[in-house]
N, C-alpha and C. Protein backbone atom coordinates (compact mmCIF):
# COMPACT_ATOMS: atom_id res chain seq x y z
N MET A 1 95.30 -5.37 -38.06
CA MET A 1 94.22 -4.95 -38.93
C MET A 1 93.32 -6.14 -39.30
N THR A 2 93.95 -7.26 -39.62
CA THR A 2 93.20 -8.45 -40.00
C THR A 2 92.36 -8.95 -38.83
N ILE A 3 92.89 -8.89 -37.62
CA ILE A 3 92.16 -9.34 -36.44
C ILE A 3 90.95 -8.44 -36.21
N ALA A 4 91.10 -7.16 -36.40
CA ALA A 4 89.98 -6.22 -36.23
C ALA A 4 88.90 -6.49 -37.27
N PHE A 5 89.33 -6.77 -38.49
CA PHE A 5 88.37 -7.08 -39.56
C PHE A 5 87.61 -8.37 -39.26
N LEU A 6 88.33 -9.40 -38.81
CA LEU A 6 87.70 -10.67 -38.47
C LEU A 6 86.72 -10.50 -37.29
N THR A 7 87.12 -9.72 -36.32
CA THR A 7 86.25 -9.46 -35.17
C THR A 7 84.99 -8.75 -35.62
N LEU A 8 85.12 -7.77 -36.47
CA LEU A 8 83.97 -7.04 -37.00
C LEU A 8 83.08 -7.96 -37.83
N LEU A 9 83.69 -8.82 -38.62
CA LEU A 9 82.93 -9.76 -39.45
C LEU A 9 82.17 -10.77 -38.58
N ILE A 10 82.78 -11.31 -37.57
CA ILE A 10 82.14 -12.28 -36.68
C ILE A 10 81.01 -11.62 -35.89
N SER A 11 81.26 -10.44 -35.36
CA SER A 11 80.21 -9.76 -34.59
C SER A 11 79.06 -9.34 -35.50
N SER A 12 79.34 -8.97 -36.73
CA SER A 12 78.26 -8.65 -37.68
C SER A 12 77.44 -9.89 -37.98
N GLY A 13 78.12 -11.02 -38.16
CA GLY A 13 77.42 -12.28 -38.40
C GLY A 13 76.55 -12.67 -37.21
N GLY A 14 77.05 -12.51 -36.02
CA GLY A 14 76.28 -12.80 -34.81
C GLY A 14 75.05 -11.90 -34.71
N TYR A 15 75.23 -10.63 -35.00
CA TYR A 15 74.10 -9.69 -34.94
C TYR A 15 73.07 -10.02 -36.01
N LEU A 16 73.54 -10.40 -37.20
CA LEU A 16 72.63 -10.79 -38.28
C LEU A 16 71.83 -12.04 -37.88
N PHE A 17 72.51 -13.01 -37.26
CA PHE A 17 71.82 -14.21 -36.78
C PHE A 17 70.75 -13.84 -35.74
N TYR A 18 71.08 -12.95 -34.82
CA TYR A 18 70.14 -12.48 -33.81
C TYR A 18 68.92 -11.83 -34.47
N LEU A 19 69.14 -10.96 -35.45
CA LEU A 19 68.03 -10.28 -36.13
C LEU A 19 67.17 -11.27 -36.91
N LEU A 20 67.77 -12.27 -37.55
CA LEU A 20 67.00 -13.28 -38.28
C LEU A 20 66.14 -14.11 -37.33
N GLN A 21 66.66 -14.44 -36.15
CA GLN A 21 65.88 -15.17 -35.14
C GLN A 21 64.68 -14.32 -34.69
N LYS A 22 64.94 -13.06 -34.47
CA LYS A 22 63.88 -12.16 -34.03
C LYS A 22 62.81 -12.01 -35.13
N LEU A 23 63.23 -11.92 -36.37
CA LEU A 23 62.31 -11.83 -37.50
C LEU A 23 61.46 -13.09 -37.61
N ASP A 24 62.06 -14.25 -37.40
CA ASP A 24 61.33 -15.51 -37.45
C ASP A 24 60.27 -15.56 -36.33
N MET A 25 60.62 -15.10 -35.14
CA MET A 25 59.66 -15.07 -34.04
C MET A 25 58.49 -14.14 -34.37
N GLN A 26 58.77 -13.01 -34.99
CA GLN A 26 57.72 -12.06 -35.37
C GLN A 26 56.80 -12.66 -36.43
N ARG A 27 57.36 -13.40 -37.38
CA ARG A 27 56.54 -14.07 -38.40
C ARG A 27 55.58 -15.06 -37.76
N LYS A 28 56.10 -15.87 -36.83
CA LYS A 28 55.25 -16.85 -36.14
C LYS A 28 54.15 -16.13 -35.35
N TYR A 29 54.50 -15.03 -34.73
CA TYR A 29 53.52 -14.26 -33.95
C TYR A 29 52.42 -13.71 -34.87
N ILE A 30 52.80 -13.20 -36.02
CA ILE A 30 51.83 -12.66 -36.98
C ILE A 30 50.91 -13.77 -37.49
N ILE A 31 51.46 -14.94 -37.77
CA ILE A 31 50.64 -16.07 -38.23
C ILE A 31 49.64 -16.46 -37.15
N THR A 32 50.08 -16.51 -35.90
CA THR A 32 49.19 -16.85 -34.79
C THR A 32 48.08 -15.81 -34.66
N LEU A 33 48.43 -14.53 -34.71
CA LEU A 33 47.43 -13.46 -34.61
C LEU A 33 46.45 -13.50 -35.78
N SER A 34 46.96 -13.81 -36.97
CA SER A 34 46.09 -13.89 -38.15
C SER A 34 45.07 -15.01 -38.00
N SER A 35 45.50 -16.17 -37.55
CA SER A 35 44.55 -17.28 -37.39
C SER A 35 43.55 -16.98 -36.27
N GLU A 36 43.99 -16.34 -35.20
CA GLU A 36 43.07 -15.96 -34.11
C GLU A 36 42.07 -14.93 -34.61
N ASN A 37 42.51 -14.00 -35.43
CA ASN A 37 41.62 -12.99 -35.99
C ASN A 37 40.56 -13.65 -36.87
N GLN A 38 40.96 -14.61 -37.70
CA GLN A 38 40.00 -15.32 -38.56
C GLN A 38 38.99 -16.09 -37.72
N ARG A 39 39.45 -16.73 -36.64
CA ARG A 39 38.55 -17.48 -35.77
C ARG A 39 37.51 -16.55 -35.11
N LEU A 40 37.97 -15.39 -34.63
CA LEU A 40 37.06 -14.43 -34.00
C LEU A 40 36.07 -13.84 -35.01
N ARG A 41 36.51 -13.63 -36.24
CA ARG A 41 35.60 -13.13 -37.27
C ARG A 41 34.48 -14.12 -37.55
N LYS A 42 34.82 -15.40 -37.60
CA LYS A 42 33.80 -16.43 -37.83
C LYS A 42 32.79 -16.44 -36.69
N ILE A 43 33.29 -16.30 -35.47
CA ILE A 43 32.39 -16.28 -34.30
C ILE A 43 31.48 -15.07 -34.36
N SER A 44 32.03 -13.91 -34.67
CA SER A 44 31.22 -12.68 -34.68
C SER A 44 30.19 -12.70 -35.81
N LEU A 45 30.50 -13.36 -36.92
CA LEU A 45 29.53 -13.45 -38.01
C LEU A 45 28.38 -14.38 -37.66
N ASN A 46 28.63 -15.33 -36.76
CA ASN A 46 27.60 -16.28 -36.38
C ASN A 46 26.72 -15.79 -35.23
N THR A 47 27.10 -14.69 -34.58
CA THR A 47 26.30 -14.18 -33.48
C THR A 47 25.33 -13.13 -33.99
N LYS A 48 24.28 -12.91 -33.20
CA LYS A 48 23.30 -11.89 -33.57
C LYS A 48 23.91 -10.51 -33.36
N GLU A 49 23.36 -9.54 -34.03
CA GLU A 49 23.87 -8.19 -33.91
C GLU A 49 22.90 -7.36 -33.09
N LEU A 50 23.45 -6.44 -32.28
CA LEU A 50 22.62 -5.61 -31.42
C LEU A 50 21.72 -4.66 -32.21
N ASN A 51 22.09 -4.32 -33.42
CA ASN A 51 21.27 -3.37 -34.18
C ASN A 51 20.02 -4.00 -34.76
N ASN A 52 19.81 -5.30 -34.56
CA ASN A 52 18.62 -5.97 -35.07
C ASN A 52 17.54 -6.15 -34.02
N ILE A 53 17.71 -5.59 -32.85
CA ILE A 53 16.72 -5.79 -31.80
C ILE A 53 15.87 -4.54 -31.63
N SER A 54 14.68 -4.76 -31.07
CA SER A 54 13.76 -3.65 -30.81
C SER A 54 13.49 -3.62 -29.30
N ILE A 55 13.71 -2.48 -28.68
CA ILE A 55 13.52 -2.32 -27.24
C ILE A 55 12.32 -1.43 -27.00
N GLU A 56 11.31 -1.98 -26.33
CA GLU A 56 10.11 -1.22 -25.97
C GLU A 56 10.22 -0.83 -24.50
N ILE A 57 10.28 0.45 -24.21
CA ILE A 57 10.38 0.95 -22.84
C ILE A 57 9.00 0.85 -22.20
N LEU A 58 8.95 0.25 -21.01
CA LEU A 58 7.69 0.05 -20.30
C LEU A 58 7.62 0.94 -19.06
N ASP A 59 6.39 1.22 -18.63
CA ASP A 59 6.20 1.96 -17.39
C ASP A 59 6.46 1.02 -16.21
N PHE A 60 7.01 1.58 -15.14
CA PHE A 60 7.17 0.81 -13.91
C PHE A 60 7.13 1.80 -12.75
N TYR A 61 6.84 1.29 -11.56
CA TYR A 61 6.58 2.20 -10.45
C TYR A 61 7.53 2.02 -9.28
N SER A 62 8.28 0.97 -9.25
CA SER A 62 9.25 0.75 -8.17
C SER A 62 10.61 1.27 -8.59
N THR A 63 11.34 1.78 -7.62
CA THR A 63 12.70 2.22 -7.90
C THR A 63 13.72 1.34 -7.21
N GLU A 64 13.21 0.40 -6.40
CA GLU A 64 14.11 -0.50 -5.69
C GLU A 64 13.68 -1.94 -5.91
N GLY A 65 14.65 -2.84 -5.84
CA GLY A 65 14.35 -4.25 -5.97
C GLY A 65 15.41 -5.08 -5.28
N VAL A 66 15.13 -6.37 -5.22
CA VAL A 66 16.05 -7.33 -4.61
C VAL A 66 16.22 -8.49 -5.59
N ILE A 67 17.44 -8.94 -5.76
CA ILE A 67 17.71 -10.06 -6.65
C ILE A 67 17.19 -11.35 -6.00
N LYS A 68 16.35 -12.08 -6.74
CA LYS A 68 15.75 -13.31 -6.21
C LYS A 68 16.72 -14.49 -6.24
N TYR A 69 17.50 -14.60 -7.30
CA TYR A 69 18.40 -15.73 -7.50
C TYR A 69 19.76 -15.19 -7.94
N ASP A 70 20.82 -15.97 -7.75
CA ASP A 70 22.10 -15.59 -8.33
C ASP A 70 21.89 -15.43 -9.83
N THR A 71 22.34 -14.34 -10.39
CA THR A 71 22.07 -14.06 -11.79
C THR A 71 23.22 -13.27 -12.41
N LYS A 72 23.11 -13.03 -13.71
CA LYS A 72 24.13 -12.26 -14.43
C LYS A 72 23.62 -10.85 -14.70
N LEU A 73 24.53 -9.90 -14.70
CA LEU A 73 24.25 -8.53 -15.12
C LEU A 73 24.73 -8.44 -16.57
N TYR A 74 23.79 -8.20 -17.49
CA TYR A 74 24.12 -8.19 -18.92
C TYR A 74 24.38 -6.77 -19.42
N PHE A 75 25.21 -6.69 -20.46
CA PHE A 75 25.52 -5.42 -21.10
C PHE A 75 24.30 -4.85 -21.83
N ALA A 76 23.51 -5.71 -22.43
CA ALA A 76 22.31 -5.31 -23.18
C ALA A 76 21.17 -6.26 -22.80
N PRO A 77 19.93 -5.85 -23.03
CA PRO A 77 18.79 -6.67 -22.61
C PRO A 77 18.46 -7.83 -23.56
N VAL A 78 19.44 -8.69 -23.77
CA VAL A 78 19.26 -9.91 -24.56
C VAL A 78 20.14 -11.00 -23.94
N ASP A 79 19.67 -12.25 -24.04
CA ASP A 79 20.40 -13.36 -23.41
C ASP A 79 21.79 -13.58 -23.98
N TRP A 80 21.99 -13.25 -25.24
CA TRP A 80 23.27 -13.49 -25.89
C TRP A 80 24.24 -12.32 -25.74
N SER A 81 23.86 -11.34 -24.94
CA SER A 81 24.74 -10.19 -24.68
C SER A 81 25.88 -10.59 -23.74
N PRO A 82 27.00 -9.91 -23.82
CA PRO A 82 28.09 -10.19 -22.88
C PRO A 82 27.65 -9.92 -21.44
N SER A 83 28.13 -10.75 -20.54
CA SER A 83 27.83 -10.60 -19.12
C SER A 83 28.88 -9.70 -18.47
N LEU A 84 28.44 -8.72 -17.68
CA LEU A 84 29.38 -7.81 -17.02
C LEU A 84 29.89 -8.39 -15.70
N CYS A 85 28.99 -9.04 -14.96
CA CYS A 85 29.37 -9.64 -13.68
C CYS A 85 28.23 -10.53 -13.20
N ARG A 86 28.45 -11.20 -12.08
CA ARG A 86 27.40 -12.01 -11.45
C ARG A 86 26.89 -11.24 -10.23
N ILE A 87 25.59 -11.35 -10.00
CA ILE A 87 24.97 -10.69 -8.85
C ILE A 87 24.44 -11.78 -7.92
N LYS A 88 24.73 -11.64 -6.66
CA LYS A 88 24.30 -12.64 -5.69
C LYS A 88 22.86 -12.42 -5.27
N LYS A 89 22.23 -13.50 -4.87
CA LYS A 89 20.86 -13.48 -4.36
C LYS A 89 20.78 -12.51 -3.18
N SER A 90 19.67 -11.82 -3.05
CA SER A 90 19.37 -10.87 -1.98
C SER A 90 20.10 -9.53 -2.09
N THR A 91 20.77 -9.28 -3.20
CA THR A 91 21.42 -7.99 -3.41
C THR A 91 20.36 -6.94 -3.69
N LYS A 92 20.41 -5.81 -2.98
CA LYS A 92 19.48 -4.71 -3.25
C LYS A 92 19.99 -3.92 -4.44
N VAL A 93 19.06 -3.58 -5.33
CA VAL A 93 19.43 -2.86 -6.56
C VAL A 93 18.50 -1.68 -6.77
N THR A 94 18.97 -0.72 -7.55
CA THR A 94 18.16 0.42 -7.96
C THR A 94 17.66 0.15 -9.38
N LEU A 95 16.35 0.29 -9.57
CA LEU A 95 15.75 0.07 -10.88
C LEU A 95 15.75 1.39 -11.66
N LEU A 96 16.29 1.38 -12.85
CA LEU A 96 16.39 2.58 -13.67
C LEU A 96 15.37 2.61 -14.80
N GLU A 97 15.12 1.45 -15.40
CA GLU A 97 14.22 1.34 -16.55
C GLU A 97 13.66 -0.07 -16.61
N LYS A 98 12.53 -0.19 -17.28
CA LYS A 98 11.98 -1.51 -17.58
C LYS A 98 11.72 -1.54 -19.08
N ALA A 99 12.07 -2.66 -19.71
CA ALA A 99 11.91 -2.75 -21.16
C ALA A 99 11.51 -4.17 -21.56
N ARG A 100 10.87 -4.27 -22.73
CA ARG A 100 10.53 -5.56 -23.31
C ARG A 100 11.37 -5.73 -24.58
N VAL A 101 12.06 -6.85 -24.63
CA VAL A 101 12.88 -7.18 -25.79
C VAL A 101 12.63 -8.64 -26.14
N GLU A 102 12.27 -8.88 -27.39
CA GLU A 102 12.01 -10.24 -27.87
C GLU A 102 11.04 -10.96 -26.93
N SER A 103 9.94 -10.32 -26.59
CA SER A 103 8.86 -10.82 -25.73
C SER A 103 9.32 -11.21 -24.32
N ARG A 104 10.35 -10.57 -23.84
CA ARG A 104 10.85 -10.81 -22.48
C ARG A 104 11.08 -9.47 -21.79
N ASN A 105 10.69 -9.37 -20.53
CA ASN A 105 10.87 -8.13 -19.78
C ASN A 105 12.22 -8.11 -19.07
N TRP A 106 12.83 -6.93 -19.09
CA TRP A 106 14.15 -6.73 -18.49
C TRP A 106 14.11 -5.46 -17.65
N TYR A 107 14.95 -5.41 -16.62
CA TYR A 107 15.16 -4.19 -15.85
C TYR A 107 16.58 -3.69 -16.08
N HIS A 108 16.70 -2.39 -16.33
CA HIS A 108 18.00 -1.75 -16.36
C HIS A 108 18.26 -1.34 -14.91
N ILE A 109 19.33 -1.86 -14.32
CA ILE A 109 19.54 -1.66 -12.89
C ILE A 109 20.92 -1.09 -12.59
N GLU A 110 21.05 -0.65 -11.36
CA GLU A 110 22.35 -0.23 -10.84
C GLU A 110 22.59 -1.01 -9.56
N ILE A 111 23.75 -1.62 -9.45
CA ILE A 111 24.08 -2.37 -8.24
C ILE A 111 25.00 -1.52 -7.37
N PRO A 112 24.95 -1.72 -6.05
CA PRO A 112 25.83 -0.95 -5.18
C PRO A 112 27.30 -1.29 -5.47
N SER A 113 28.09 -0.28 -5.72
CA SER A 113 29.51 -0.48 -6.01
C SER A 113 30.27 0.80 -5.72
N SER A 114 31.34 0.70 -4.95
CA SER A 114 32.12 1.89 -4.63
C SER A 114 32.92 2.37 -5.84
N LYS A 115 33.32 1.45 -6.72
CA LYS A 115 34.13 1.82 -7.89
C LYS A 115 33.29 2.28 -9.07
N ARG A 116 32.03 1.91 -9.10
CA ARG A 116 31.12 2.26 -10.18
C ARG A 116 31.61 1.75 -11.54
N ILE A 117 32.29 0.61 -11.52
CA ILE A 117 32.72 -0.05 -12.75
C ILE A 117 31.82 -1.25 -12.95
N ASN A 118 31.21 -1.35 -14.13
CA ASN A 118 30.25 -2.43 -14.43
C ASN A 118 29.14 -2.49 -13.38
N SER A 119 28.71 -1.34 -12.93
CA SER A 119 27.67 -1.30 -11.90
C SER A 119 26.27 -1.09 -12.47
N ARG A 120 26.16 -0.87 -13.77
CA ARG A 120 24.86 -0.75 -14.42
C ARG A 120 24.75 -1.75 -15.56
N GLY A 121 23.56 -2.33 -15.66
CA GLY A 121 23.35 -3.30 -16.73
C GLY A 121 21.91 -3.79 -16.69
N TRP A 122 21.66 -4.88 -17.39
CA TRP A 122 20.31 -5.40 -17.57
C TRP A 122 20.17 -6.77 -16.91
N VAL A 123 19.01 -6.97 -16.27
CA VAL A 123 18.68 -8.24 -15.62
C VAL A 123 17.27 -8.63 -16.04
N VAL A 124 17.06 -9.92 -16.27
CA VAL A 124 15.72 -10.43 -16.61
C VAL A 124 14.77 -10.13 -15.45
N SER A 125 13.56 -9.69 -15.77
CA SER A 125 12.61 -9.28 -14.72
C SER A 125 12.25 -10.41 -13.76
N GLU A 126 12.30 -11.66 -14.22
CA GLU A 126 11.98 -12.79 -13.34
C GLU A 126 12.98 -12.93 -12.20
N ASP A 127 14.17 -12.35 -12.36
CA ASP A 127 15.22 -12.49 -11.34
C ASP A 127 15.18 -11.37 -10.30
N ILE A 128 14.20 -10.44 -10.42
CA ILE A 128 14.12 -9.32 -9.49
C ILE A 128 12.78 -9.30 -8.79
N LEU A 129 12.82 -9.08 -7.49
CA LEU A 129 11.61 -8.88 -6.70
C LEU A 129 11.54 -7.38 -6.42
N THR A 130 10.54 -6.71 -7.01
CA THR A 130 10.40 -5.27 -6.80
C THR A 130 9.71 -5.03 -5.47
N VAL A 131 9.79 -3.81 -4.98
CA VAL A 131 9.13 -3.45 -3.72
C VAL A 131 7.63 -3.65 -3.86
N GLU A 132 7.07 -3.32 -5.03
CA GLU A 132 5.63 -3.53 -5.29
C GLU A 132 5.25 -4.99 -5.11
N GLU A 133 6.00 -5.87 -5.75
CA GLU A 133 5.72 -7.30 -5.66
C GLU A 133 5.87 -7.81 -4.24
N LYS A 134 6.87 -7.30 -3.55
CA LYS A 134 7.10 -7.70 -2.16
C LYS A 134 5.91 -7.31 -1.30
N ASN A 135 5.40 -6.09 -1.47
CA ASN A 135 4.24 -5.63 -0.70
C ASN A 135 2.99 -6.46 -1.03
N LEU A 136 2.79 -6.77 -2.31
CA LEU A 136 1.65 -7.60 -2.71
C LEU A 136 1.73 -8.99 -2.09
N LEU A 137 2.92 -9.56 -2.06
CA LEU A 137 3.10 -10.88 -1.46
C LEU A 137 2.83 -10.83 0.04
N GLN A 138 3.27 -9.75 0.70
CA GLN A 138 3.04 -9.63 2.13
C GLN A 138 1.54 -9.46 2.42
N GLU A 139 0.84 -8.67 1.61
CA GLU A 139 -0.61 -8.50 1.80
C GLU A 139 -1.32 -9.82 1.59
N LYS A 140 -0.95 -10.54 0.58
CA LYS A 140 -1.58 -11.83 0.31
C LYS A 140 -1.32 -12.81 1.45
N TYR A 141 -0.11 -12.81 1.96
CA TYR A 141 0.25 -13.69 3.06
C TYR A 141 -0.50 -13.31 4.33
N ASN A 142 -0.66 -12.00 4.58
CA ASN A 142 -1.36 -11.54 5.79
C ASN A 142 -2.84 -11.88 5.76
N ARG A 143 -3.44 -11.94 4.57
CA ARG A 143 -4.87 -12.25 4.44
C ARG A 143 -5.16 -13.70 4.77
N THR A 144 -4.22 -14.58 4.52
CA THR A 144 -4.49 -16.00 4.74
C THR A 144 -4.17 -16.43 6.14
């Protein structure tokens, strides 16, 4: 009987030690998450908010374009917006909309993608050569 009691007491002590170690690890994890949360809050308070921008939709006549330079596809038509992906030079794109934001023109585009994940976003107009512009450049070149 005494041996059974001692065995139960030792195994209970071992289990209690295990639970205390696990509790200590959880405390450390919570402290780490709390400090990371505070750091991210400070960053988000220092960034601009999307609800403070004004988007003016512009008329445009081309539905196709080509990327002039390697560029980023943005989530929103502002430079400080998160980037969805990088687009390589000479990629053909479909133009969906043209807009002016903070005195800069942007195109809402769709890039070719079989998965259709992050395939739509915004690109600065200077980074796109539209079919219209391409035709004008060819006419100008042919005249000279």
